[in-house]
mmCIF file of all heavy atoms, coordinates in Angstrom:
data_MODEL
# 
_entry.id   MODEL 
# 
loop_
_atom_site.group_PDB 
_atom_site.id 
_atom_site.type_symbol 
_atom_site.label_atom_id 
_atom_site.label_alt_id 
_atom_site.label_comp_id 
_atom_site.label_asym_id 
_atom_site.label_entity_id 
_atom_site.label_seq_id 
_atom_site.pdbx_PDB_ins_code 
_atom_site.Cartn_x 
_atom_site.Cartn_y 
_atom_site.Cartn_z 
_atom_site.occupancy 
_atom_site.B_iso_or_equiv 
_atom_site.pdbx_formal_charge 
_atom_site.auth_seq_id 
_atom_site.auth_comp_id 
_atom_site.auth_asym_id 
_atom_site.auth_atom_id 
_atom_site.pdbx_PDB_model_num 
ATOM 1   N N   . ASN A 1 1  ? 100.996 86.165  93.342  1.00 0.00 ? 1  ASN A N   1 
ATOM 2   C CA  . ASN A 1 1  ? 102.007 85.548  92.493  1.00 0.00 ? 1  ASN A CA  1 
ATOM 3   C C   . ASN A 1 1  ? 103.112 85.013  93.391  1.00 0.00 ? 1  ASN A C   1 
ATOM 4   O O   . ASN A 1 1  ? 103.753 85.772  94.138  1.00 0.00 ? 1  ASN A O   1 
ATOM 5   C CB  . ASN A 1 1  ? 102.597 86.577  91.512  1.00 0.00 ? 1  ASN A CB  1 
ATOM 6   C CG  . ASN A 1 1  ? 101.560 87.063  90.523  1.00 0.00 ? 1  ASN A CG  1 
ATOM 7   O OD1 . ASN A 1 1  ? 100.858 86.261  89.920  1.00 0.00 ? 1  ASN A OD1 1 
ATOM 8   N ND2 . ASN A 1 1  ? 101.449 88.378  90.372  1.00 0.00 ? 1  ASN A ND2 1 
ATOM 9   N N   . ASP A 1 2  ? 103.293 83.680  93.349  1.00 0.00 ? 2  ASP A N   1 
ATOM 10  C CA  . ASP A 1 2  ? 104.280 83.024  94.207  1.00 0.00 ? 2  ASP A CA  1 
ATOM 11  C C   . ASP A 1 2  ? 104.059 83.372  95.665  1.00 0.00 ? 2  ASP A C   1 
ATOM 12  O O   . ASP A 1 2  ? 105.018 83.604  96.431  1.00 0.00 ? 2  ASP A O   1 
ATOM 13  C CB  . ASP A 1 2  ? 105.706 83.418  93.774  1.00 0.00 ? 2  ASP A CB  1 
ATOM 14  C CG  . ASP A 1 2  ? 106.018 82.989  92.353  1.00 0.00 ? 2  ASP A CG  1 
ATOM 15  O OD1 . ASP A 1 2  ? 105.550 81.902  91.953  1.00 0.00 ? 2  ASP A OD1 1 
ATOM 16  O OD2 . ASP A 1 2  ? 106.706 83.745  91.643  1.00 0.00 ? 2  ASP A OD2 1 
ATOM 17  N N   . GLY A 1 3  ? 102.770 83.436  96.066  1.00 0.00 ? 3  GLY A N   1 
ATOM 18  C CA  . GLY A 1 3  ? 102.449 83.701  97.458  1.00 0.00 ? 3  GLY A CA  1 
ATOM 19  C C   . GLY A 1 3  ? 102.516 85.157  97.864  1.00 0.00 ? 3  GLY A C   1 
ATOM 20  O O   . GLY A 1 3  ? 102.337 85.483  99.040  1.00 0.00 ? 3  GLY A O   1 
ATOM 21  N N   . ILE A 1 4  ? 102.736 86.063  96.914  1.00 0.00 ? 4  ILE A N   1 
ATOM 22  C CA  . ILE A 1 4  ? 102.817 87.498  97.215  1.00 0.00 ? 4  ILE A CA  1 
ATOM 23  C C   . ILE A 1 4  ? 101.573 88.180  96.663  1.00 0.00 ? 4  ILE A C   1 
ATOM 24  O O   . ILE A 1 4  ? 101.274 88.077  95.475  1.00 0.00 ? 4  ILE A O   1 
ATOM 25  C CB  . ILE A 1 4  ? 104.081 88.132  96.607  1.00 0.00 ? 4  ILE A CB  1 
ATOM 26  C CG1 . ILE A 1 4  ? 105.334 87.468  97.184  1.00 0.00 ? 4  ILE A CG1 1 
ATOM 27  C CG2 . ILE A 1 4  ? 104.101 89.637  96.867  1.00 0.00 ? 4  ILE A CG2 1 
ATOM 28  C CD1 . ILE A 1 4  ? 106.619 87.933  96.530  1.00 0.00 ? 4  ILE A CD1 1 
ATOM 29  N N   . ALA A 1 5  ? 100.831 88.861  97.528  1.00 0.00 ? 5  ALA A N   1 
ATOM 30  C CA  . ALA A 1 5  ? 99.618  89.575  97.130  1.00 0.00 ? 5  ALA A CA  1 
ATOM 31  C C   . ALA A 1 5  ? 99.843  91.067  97.298  1.00 0.00 ? 5  ALA A C   1 
ATOM 32  O O   . ALA A 1 5  ? 100.411 91.514  98.289  1.00 0.00 ? 5  ALA A O   1 
ATOM 33  C CB  . ALA A 1 5  ? 98.432  89.135  97.965  1.00 0.00 ? 5  ALA A CB  1 
ATOM 34  N N   . GLU A 1 6  ? 99.400  91.835  96.309  1.00 0.00 ? 6  GLU A N   1 
ATOM 35  C CA  . GLU A 1 6  ? 99.497  93.290  96.373  1.00 0.00 ? 6  GLU A CA  1 
ATOM 36  C C   . GLU A 1 6  ? 98.095  93.879  96.241  1.00 0.00 ? 6  GLU A C   1 
ATOM 37  O O   . GLU A 1 6  ? 97.359  93.545  95.319  1.00 0.00 ? 6  GLU A O   1 
ATOM 38  C CB  . GLU A 1 6  ? 100.408 93.831  95.277  1.00 0.00 ? 6  GLU A CB  1 
ATOM 39  C CG  . GLU A 1 6  ? 100.698 95.318  95.413  1.00 0.00 ? 6  GLU A CG  1 
ATOM 40  C CD  . GLU A 1 6  ? 101.849 95.788  94.549  1.00 0.00 ? 6  GLU A CD  1 
ATOM 41  O OE1 . GLU A 1 6  ? 102.620 94.931  94.067  1.00 0.00 ? 6  GLU A OE1 1 
ATOM 42  O OE2 . GLU A 1 6  ? 101.997 97.015  94.358  1.00 0.00 ? 6  GLU A OE2 1 
ATOM 43  N N   . MET A 1 7  ? 97.731  94.743  97.176  1.00 0.00 ? 7  MET A N   1 
ATOM 44  C CA  . MET A 1 7  ? 96.417  95.367  97.211  1.00 0.00 ? 7  MET A CA  1 
ATOM 45  C C   . MET A 1 7  ? 96.569  96.863  97.428  1.00 0.00 ? 7  MET A C   1 
ATOM 46  O O   . MET A 1 7  ? 97.658  97.362  97.705  1.00 0.00 ? 7  MET A O   1 
ATOM 47  C CB  . MET A 1 7  ? 95.568  94.792  98.362  1.00 0.00 ? 7  MET A CB  1 
ATOM 48  C CG  . MET A 1 7  ? 95.450  93.300  98.426  1.00 0.00 ? 7  MET A CG  1 
ATOM 49  S SD  . MET A 1 7  ? 94.415  92.792  99.836  1.00 0.00 ? 7  MET A SD  1 
ATOM 50  C CE  . MET A 1 7  ? 94.729  91.026  99.836  1.00 0.00 ? 7  MET A CE  1 
ATOM 51  N N   . GLY A 1 8  ? 95.444  97.558  97.333  1.00 0.00 ? 8  GLY A N   1 
ATOM 52  C CA  . GLY A 1 8  ? 95.390  98.964  97.705  1.00 0.00 ? 8  GLY A CA  1 
ATOM 53  C C   . GLY A 1 8  ? 94.677  99.108  99.040  1.00 0.00 ? 8  GLY A C   1 
ATOM 54  O O   . GLY A 1 8  ? 93.738  98.365  99.342  1.00 0.00 ? 8  GLY A O   1 
ATOM 55  N N   . LEU A 1 9  ? 95.094  100.075 99.868  1.00 0.00 ? 9  LEU A N   1 
ATOM 56  C CA  . LEU A 1 9  ? 94.523  100.242 101.201 1.00 0.00 ? 9  LEU A CA  1 
ATOM 57  C C   . LEU A 1 9  ? 94.354  101.719 101.538 1.00 0.00 ? 9  LEU A C   1 
ATOM 58  O O   . LEU A 1 9  ? 95.262  102.531 101.329 1.00 0.00 ? 9  LEU A O   1 
ATOM 59  C CB  . LEU A 1 9  ? 95.429  99.595  102.256 1.00 0.00 ? 9  LEU A CB  1 
ATOM 60  C CG  . LEU A 1 9  ? 95.065  99.875  103.726 1.00 0.00 ? 9  LEU A CG  1 
ATOM 61  C CD1 . LEU A 1 9  ? 93.738  99.210  104.083 1.00 0.00 ? 9  LEU A CD1 1 
ATOM 62  C CD2 . LEU A 1 9  ? 96.176  99.419  104.659 1.00 0.00 ? 9  LEU A CD2 1 
ATOM 63  N N   . ILE A 1 10 ? 93.170  102.063 102.072 1.00 0.00 ? 10 ILE A N   1 
ATOM 64  C CA  . ILE A 1 10 ? 92.904  103.362 102.678 1.00 0.00 ? 10 ILE A CA  1 
ATOM 65  C C   . ILE A 1 10 ? 92.239  103.093 104.023 1.00 0.00 ? 10 ILE A C   1 
ATOM 66  O O   . ILE A 1 10 ? 91.356  102.236 104.120 1.00 0.00 ? 10 ILE A O   1 
ATOM 67  C CB  . ILE A 1 10 ? 91.966  104.226 101.810 1.00 0.00 ? 10 ILE A CB  1 
ATOM 68  C CG1 . ILE A 1 10 ? 92.576  104.508 100.434 1.00 0.00 ? 10 ILE A CG1 1 
ATOM 69  C CG2 . ILE A 1 10 ? 91.634  105.547 102.501 1.00 0.00 ? 10 ILE A CG2 1 
ATOM 70  C CD1 . ILE A 1 10 ? 91.607  105.168 99.450  1.00 0.00 ? 10 ILE A CD1 1 
ATOM 71  N N   . VAL A 1 11 ? 92.665  103.799 105.054 1.00 0.00 ? 11 VAL A N   1 
ATOM 72  C CA  . VAL A 1 11 ? 91.972  103.747 106.338 1.00 0.00 ? 11 VAL A CA  1 
ATOM 73  C C   . VAL A 1 11 ? 91.653  105.181 106.752 1.00 0.00 ? 11 VAL A C   1 
ATOM 74  O O   . VAL A 1 11 ? 92.421  106.107 106.474 1.00 0.00 ? 11 VAL A O   1 
ATOM 75  C CB  . VAL A 1 11 ? 92.802  103.045 107.433 1.00 0.00 ? 11 VAL A CB  1 
ATOM 76  C CG1 . VAL A 1 11 ? 92.989  101.574 107.100 1.00 0.00 ? 11 VAL A CG1 1 
ATOM 77  C CG2 . VAL A 1 11 ? 94.150  103.716 107.633 1.00 0.00 ? 11 VAL A CG2 1 
ATOM 78  N N   . TYR A 1 12 ? 90.509  105.361 107.395 1.00 0.00 ? 12 TYR A N   1 
ATOM 79  C CA  . TYR A 1 12 ? 90.183  106.705 107.867 1.00 0.00 ? 12 TYR A CA  1 
ATOM 80  C C   . TYR A 1 12 ? 89.297  106.657 109.104 1.00 0.00 ? 12 TYR A C   1 
ATOM 81  O O   . TYR A 1 12 ? 88.659  105.647 109.410 1.00 0.00 ? 12 TYR A O   1 
ATOM 82  C CB  . TYR A 1 12 ? 89.557  107.555 106.764 1.00 0.00 ? 12 TYR A CB  1 
ATOM 83  C CG  . TYR A 1 12 ? 88.168  107.168 106.315 1.00 0.00 ? 12 TYR A CG  1 
ATOM 84  C CD1 . TYR A 1 12 ? 87.039  107.560 107.029 1.00 0.00 ? 12 TYR A CD1 1 
ATOM 85  C CD2 . TYR A 1 12 ? 87.975  106.423 105.151 1.00 0.00 ? 12 TYR A CD2 1 
ATOM 86  C CE1 . TYR A 1 12 ? 85.753  107.215 106.605 1.00 0.00 ? 12 TYR A CE1 1 
ATOM 87  C CE2 . TYR A 1 12 ? 86.699  106.077 104.726 1.00 0.00 ? 12 TYR A CE2 1 
ATOM 88  C CZ  . TYR A 1 12 ? 85.593  106.478 105.459 1.00 0.00 ? 12 TYR A CZ  1 
ATOM 89  O OH  . TYR A 1 12 ? 84.331  106.147 105.050 1.00 0.00 ? 12 TYR A OH  1 
ATOM 90  N N   . ARG A 1 13 ? 89.281  107.761 109.795 1.00 0.00 ? 13 ARG A N   1 
ATOM 91  C CA  . ARG A 1 13 ? 88.426  107.966 110.966 1.00 0.00 ? 13 ARG A CA  1 
ATOM 92  C C   . ARG A 1 13 ? 87.585  109.211 110.727 1.00 0.00 ? 13 ARG A C   1 
ATOM 93  O O   . ARG A 1 13 ? 88.097  110.234 110.250 1.00 0.00 ? 13 ARG A O   1 
ATOM 94  C CB  . ARG A 1 13 ? 89.287  108.160 112.215 1.00 0.00 ? 13 ARG A CB  1 
ATOM 95  C CG  . ARG A 1 13 ? 88.483  108.521 113.471 1.00 0.00 ? 13 ARG A CG  1 
ATOM 96  C CD  . ARG A 1 13 ? 89.385  108.947 114.605 1.00 0.00 ? 13 ARG A CD  1 
ATOM 97  N NE  . ARG A 1 13 ? 88.633  109.153 115.846 1.00 0.00 ? 13 ARG A NE  1 
ATOM 98  C CZ  . ARG A 1 13 ? 89.179  109.559 116.990 1.00 0.00 ? 13 ARG A CZ  1 
ATOM 99  N NH1 . ARG A 1 13 ? 90.486  109.804 117.051 1.00 0.00 ? 13 ARG A NH1 1 
ATOM 100 N NH2 . ARG A 1 13 ? 88.415  109.738 118.065 1.00 0.00 ? 13 ARG A NH2 1 
ATOM 101 N N   . TRP A 1 14 ? 86.299  109.119 111.071 1.00 0.00 ? 14 TRP A N   1 
ATOM 102 C CA  . TRP A 1 14 ? 85.393  110.256 110.946 1.00 0.00 ? 14 TRP A CA  1 
ATOM 103 C C   . TRP A 1 14 ? 84.868  110.619 112.327 1.00 0.00 ? 14 TRP A C   1 
ATOM 104 O O   . TRP A 1 14 ? 84.302  109.777 113.028 1.00 0.00 ? 14 TRP A O   1 
ATOM 105 C CB  . TRP A 1 14 ? 84.247  109.917 110.002 1.00 0.00 ? 14 TRP A CB  1 
ATOM 106 C CG  . TRP A 1 14 ? 83.117  110.915 109.966 1.00 0.00 ? 14 TRP A CG  1 
ATOM 107 C CD1 . TRP A 1 14 ? 81.846  110.730 110.415 1.00 0.00 ? 14 TRP A CD1 1 
ATOM 108 C CD2 . TRP A 1 14 ? 83.150  112.234 109.427 1.00 0.00 ? 14 TRP A CD2 1 
ATOM 109 N NE1 . TRP A 1 14 ? 81.086  111.856 110.196 1.00 0.00 ? 14 TRP A NE1 1 
ATOM 110 C CE2 . TRP A 1 14 ? 81.867  112.801 109.594 1.00 0.00 ? 14 TRP A CE2 1 
ATOM 111 C CE3 . TRP A 1 14 ? 84.143  112.997 108.826 1.00 0.00 ? 14 TRP A CE3 1 
ATOM 112 C CZ2 . TRP A 1 14 ? 81.554  114.084 109.178 1.00 0.00 ? 14 TRP A CZ2 1 
ATOM 113 C CZ3 . TRP A 1 14 ? 83.829  114.287 108.414 1.00 0.00 ? 14 TRP A CZ3 1 
ATOM 114 C CH2 . TRP A 1 14 ? 82.545  114.819 108.580 1.00 0.00 ? 14 TRP A CH2 1 
ATOM 115 N N   . LEU A 1 15 ? 85.085  111.892 112.728 1.00 0.00 ? 15 LEU A N   1 
ATOM 116 C CA  . LEU A 1 15 ? 84.586  112.403 113.997 1.00 0.00 ? 15 LEU A CA  1 
ATOM 117 C C   . LEU A 1 15 ? 83.379  113.274 113.702 1.00 0.00 ? 15 LEU A C   1 
ATOM 118 O O   . LEU A 1 15 ? 83.510  114.417 113.246 1.00 0.00 ? 15 LEU A O   1 
ATOM 119 C CB  . LEU A 1 15 ? 85.661  113.209 114.730 1.00 0.00 ? 15 LEU A CB  1 
ATOM 120 C CG  . LEU A 1 15 ? 86.933  112.436 115.132 1.00 0.00 ? 15 LEU A CG  1 
ATOM 121 C CD1 . LEU A 1 15 ? 87.997  112.546 114.042 1.00 0.00 ? 15 LEU A CD1 1 
ATOM 122 C CD2 . LEU A 1 15 ? 87.492  112.981 116.441 1.00 0.00 ? 15 LEU A CD2 1 
ATOM 123 N N   . SER A 1 16 ? 82.192  112.741 113.942 1.00 0.00 ? 16 SER A N   1 
ATOM 124 C CA  . SER A 1 16 ? 80.983  113.395 113.457 1.00 0.00 ? 16 SER A CA  1 
ATOM 125 C C   . SER A 1 16 ? 80.677  114.698 114.185 1.00 0.00 ? 16 SER A C   1 
ATOM 126 O O   . SER A 1 16 ? 80.102  115.617 113.598 1.00 0.00 ? 16 SER A O   1 
ATOM 127 C CB  . SER A 1 16 ? 79.786  112.437 113.573 1.00 0.00 ? 16 SER A CB  1 
ATOM 128 O OG  . SER A 1 16 ? 79.505  112.139 114.927 1.00 0.00 ? 16 SER A OG  1 
ATOM 129 N N   . GLN A 1 17 ? 81.020  114.804 115.466 1.00 0.00 ? 17 GLN A N   1 
ATOM 130 C CA  . GLN A 1 17 ? 80.670  116.004 116.220 1.00 0.00 ? 17 GLN A CA  1 
ATOM 131 C C   . GLN A 1 17 ? 81.425  117.242 115.739 1.00 0.00 ? 17 GLN A C   1 
ATOM 132 O O   . GLN A 1 17 ? 80.928  118.357 115.847 1.00 0.00 ? 17 GLN A O   1 
ATOM 133 C CB  . GLN A 1 17 ? 80.938  115.785 117.707 1.00 0.00 ? 17 GLN A CB  1 
ATOM 134 C CG  . GLN A 1 17 ? 79.984  114.811 118.369 1.00 0.00 ? 17 GLN A CG  1 
ATOM 135 C CD  . GLN A 1 17 ? 78.564  115.336 118.404 1.00 0.00 ? 17 GLN A CD  1 
ATOM 136 O OE1 . GLN A 1 17 ? 78.318  116.475 118.766 1.00 0.00 ? 17 GLN A OE1 1 
ATOM 137 N NE2 . GLN A 1 17 ? 77.612  114.494 118.004 1.00 0.00 ? 17 GLN A NE2 1 
ATOM 138 N N   . ILE A 1 18 ? 82.620  117.036 115.211 1.00 0.00 ? 18 ILE A N   1 
ATOM 139 C CA  . ILE A 1 18 ? 83.412  118.179 114.733 1.00 0.00 ? 18 ILE A CA  1 
ATOM 140 C C   . ILE A 1 18 ? 83.681  118.099 113.234 1.00 0.00 ? 18 ILE A C   1 
ATOM 141 O O   . ILE A 1 18 ? 84.452  118.907 112.702 1.00 0.00 ? 18 ILE A O   1 
ATOM 142 C CB  . ILE A 1 18 ? 84.745  118.282 115.509 1.00 0.00 ? 18 ILE A CB  1 
ATOM 143 C CG1 . ILE A 1 18 ? 85.545  116.975 115.404 1.00 0.00 ? 18 ILE A CG1 1 
ATOM 144 C CG2 . ILE A 1 18 ? 84.483  118.643 116.972 1.00 0.00 ? 18 ILE A CG2 1 
ATOM 145 C CD1 . ILE A 1 18 ? 86.912  117.042 116.075 1.00 0.00 ? 18 ILE A CD1 1 
ATOM 146 N N   . ASN A 1 19 ? 83.074  117.099 112.549 1.00 0.00 ? 19 ASN A N   1 
ATOM 147 C CA  . ASN A 1 19 ? 83.196  116.974 111.098 1.00 0.00 ? 19 ASN A CA  1 
ATOM 148 C C   . ASN A 1 19 ? 84.654  116.968 110.642 1.00 0.00 ? 19 ASN A C   1 
ATOM 149 O O   . ASN A 1 19 ? 85.066  117.717 109.765 1.00 0.00 ? 19 ASN A O   1 
ATOM 150 C CB  . ASN A 1 19 ? 82.430  118.107 110.404 1.00 0.00 ? 19 ASN A CB  1 
ATOM 151 C CG  . ASN A 1 19 ? 80.964  118.109 110.769 1.00 0.00 ? 19 ASN A CG  1 
ATOM 152 O OD1 . ASN A 1 19 ? 80.209  117.236 110.364 1.00 0.00 ? 19 ASN A OD1 1 
ATOM 153 N ND2 . ASN A 1 19 ? 80.559  119.101 111.567 1.00 0.00 ? 19 ASN A ND2 1 
ATOM 154 N N   . GLU A 1 20 ? 85.402  116.099 111.273 1.00 0.00 ? 20 GLU A N   1 
ATOM 155 C CA  . GLU A 1 20 ? 86.834  115.991 110.986 1.00 0.00 ? 20 GLU A CA  1 
ATOM 156 C C   . GLU A 1 20 ? 87.155  114.570 110.549 1.00 0.00 ? 20 GLU A C   1 
ATOM 157 O O   . GLU A 1 20 ? 86.648  113.601 111.116 1.00 0.00 ? 20 GLU A O   1 
ATOM 158 C CB  . GLU A 1 20 ? 87.646  116.362 112.232 1.00 0.00 ? 20 GLU A CB  1 
ATOM 159 C CG  . GLU A 1 20 ? 89.146  116.417 112.009 1.00 0.00 ? 20 GLU A CG  1 
ATOM 160 C CD  . GLU A 1 20 ? 89.879  116.940 113.234 1.00 0.00 ? 20 GLU A CD  1 
ATOM 161 O OE1 . GLU A 1 20 ? 89.473  118.003 113.777 1.00 0.00 ? 20 GLU A OE1 1 
ATOM 162 O OE2 . GLU A 1 20 ? 90.845  116.288 113.665 1.00 0.00 ? 20 GLU A OE2 1 
ATOM 163 N N   . ARG A 1 21 ? 87.980  114.448 109.518 1.00 0.00 ? 21 ARG A N   1 
ATOM 164 C CA  . ARG A 1 21 ? 88.350  113.130 108.997 1.00 0.00 ? 21 ARG A CA  1 
ATOM 165 C C   . ARG A 1 21 ? 89.873  112.991 108.997 1.00 0.00 ? 21 ARG A C   1 
ATOM 166 O O   . ARG A 1 21 ? 90.581  113.852 108.481 1.00 0.00 ? 21 ARG A O   1 
ATOM 167 C CB  . ARG A 1 21 ? 87.820  112.940 107.570 1.00 0.00 ? 21 ARG A CB  1 
ATOM 168 C CG  . ARG A 1 21 ? 87.868  111.488 107.084 1.00 0.00 ? 21 ARG A CG  1 
ATOM 169 C CD  . ARG A 1 21 ? 87.416  111.361 105.623 1.00 0.00 ? 21 ARG A CD  1 
ATOM 170 N NE  . ARG A 1 21 ? 86.149  112.010 105.372 1.00 0.00 ? 21 ARG A NE  1 
ATOM 171 C CZ  . ARG A 1 21 ? 84.961  111.432 105.493 1.00 0.00 ? 21 ARG A CZ  1 
ATOM 172 N NH1 . ARG A 1 21 ? 84.886  110.183 105.887 1.00 0.00 ? 21 ARG A NH1 1 
ATOM 173 N NH2 . ARG A 1 21 ? 83.857  112.110 105.227 1.00 0.00 ? 21 ARG A NH2 1 
ATOM 174 N N   . HIS A 1 22 ? 90.359  111.882 109.588 1.00 0.00 ? 22 HIS A N   1 
ATOM 175 C CA  . HIS A 1 22 ? 91.777  111.531 109.550 1.00 0.00 ? 22 HIS A CA  1 
ATOM 176 C C   . HIS A 1 22 ? 91.949  110.388 108.556 1.00 0.00 ? 22 HIS A C   1 
ATOM 177 O O   . HIS A 1 22 ? 91.102  109.479 108.512 1.00 0.00 ? 22 HIS A O   1 
ATOM 178 C CB  . HIS A 1 22 ? 92.275  111.090 110.919 1.00 0.00 ? 22 HIS A CB  1 
ATOM 179 C CG  . HIS A 1 22 ? 92.013  112.069 112.014 1.00 0.00 ? 22 HIS A CG  1 
ATOM 180 N ND1 . HIS A 1 22 ? 92.110  111.759 113.349 1.00 0.00 ? 22 HIS A ND1 1 
ATOM 181 C CD2 . HIS A 1 22 ? 91.645  113.387 111.978 1.00 0.00 ? 22 HIS A CD2 1 
ATOM 182 C CE1 . HIS A 1 22 ? 91.828  112.817 114.085 1.00 0.00 ? 22 HIS A CE1 1 
ATOM 183 N NE2 . HIS A 1 22 ? 91.536  113.817 113.273 1.00 0.00 ? 22 HIS A NE2 1 
ATOM 184 N N   . ILE A 1 23 ? 93.035  110.404 107.796 1.00 0.00 ? 23 ILE A N   1 
ATOM 185 C CA  . ILE A 1 23 ? 93.157  109.434 106.700 1.00 0.00 ? 23 ILE A CA  1 
ATOM 186 C C   . ILE A 1 23 ? 94.592  108.980 106.519 1.00 0.00 ? 23 ILE A C   1 
ATOM 187 O O   . ILE A 1 23 ? 95.551  109.690 106.870 1.00 0.00 ? 23 ILE A O   1 
ATOM 188 C CB  . ILE A 1 23 ? 92.618  110.053 105.377 1.00 0.00 ? 23 ILE A CB  1 
ATOM 189 C CG1 . ILE A 1 23 ? 92.326  108.981 104.333 1.00 0.00 ? 23 ILE A CG1 1 
ATOM 190 C CG2 . ILE A 1 23 ? 93.590  111.107 104.840 1.00 0.00 ? 23 ILE A CG2 1 
ATOM 191 C CD1 . ILE A 1 23 ? 91.529  109.488 103.145 1.00 0.00 ? 23 ILE A CD1 1 
ATOM 192 N N   . TYR A 1 24 ? 94.742  107.795 106.024 1.00 0.00 ? 24 TYR A N   1 
ATOM 193 C CA  . TYR A 1 24 ? 96.008  107.272 105.519 1.00 0.00 ? 24 TYR A CA  1 
ATOM 194 C C   . TYR A 1 24 ? 95.689  106.493 104.250 1.00 0.00 ? 24 TYR A C   1 
ATOM 195 O O   . TYR A 1 24 ? 94.749  105.701 104.230 1.00 0.00 ? 24 TYR A O   1 
ATOM 196 C CB  . TYR A 1 24 ? 96.697  106.355 106.526 1.00 0.00 ? 24 TYR A CB  1 
ATOM 197 C CG  . TYR A 1 24 ? 97.941  105.707 105.961 1.00 0.00 ? 24 TYR A CG  1 
ATOM 198 C CD1 . TYR A 1 24 ? 99.150  106.386 105.950 1.00 0.00 ? 24 TYR A CD1 1 
ATOM 199 C CD2 . TYR A 1 24 ? 97.878  104.428 105.385 1.00 0.00 ? 24 TYR A CD2 1 
ATOM 200 C CE1 . TYR A 1 24 ? 100.286 105.792 105.405 1.00 0.00 ? 24 TYR A CE1 1 
ATOM 201 C CE2 . TYR A 1 24 ? 98.997  103.839 104.838 1.00 0.00 ? 24 TYR A CE2 1 
ATOM 202 C CZ  . TYR A 1 24 ? 100.192 104.524 104.845 1.00 0.00 ? 24 TYR A CZ  1 
ATOM 203 O OH  . TYR A 1 24 ? 101.310 103.963 104.286 1.00 0.00 ? 24 TYR A OH  1 
ATOM 204 N N   . PRO A 1 25 ? 96.453  106.722 103.172 1.00 0.00 ? 25 PRO A N   1 
ATOM 205 C CA  . PRO A 1 25 ? 97.594  107.612 103.024 1.00 0.00 ? 25 PRO A CA  1 
ATOM 206 C C   . PRO A 1 25 ? 97.166  109.069 102.850 1.00 0.00 ? 25 PRO A C   1 
ATOM 207 O O   . PRO A 1 25 ? 95.980  109.387 102.932 1.00 0.00 ? 25 PRO A O   1 
ATOM 208 C CB  . PRO A 1 25 ? 98.271  107.080 101.751 1.00 0.00 ? 25 PRO A CB  1 
ATOM 209 C CG  . PRO A 1 25 ? 97.125  106.563 100.940 1.00 0.00 ? 25 PRO A CG  1 
ATOM 210 C CD  . PRO A 1 25 ? 96.169  105.966 101.930 1.00 0.00 ? 25 PRO A CD  1 
# 
């Protein structure tokens, strides 16, 4: 709207050797 876009975002990292997940938010 008027050049402004709003979305949802999740980013994460998965470390398979230790089964650990880091996330934002």
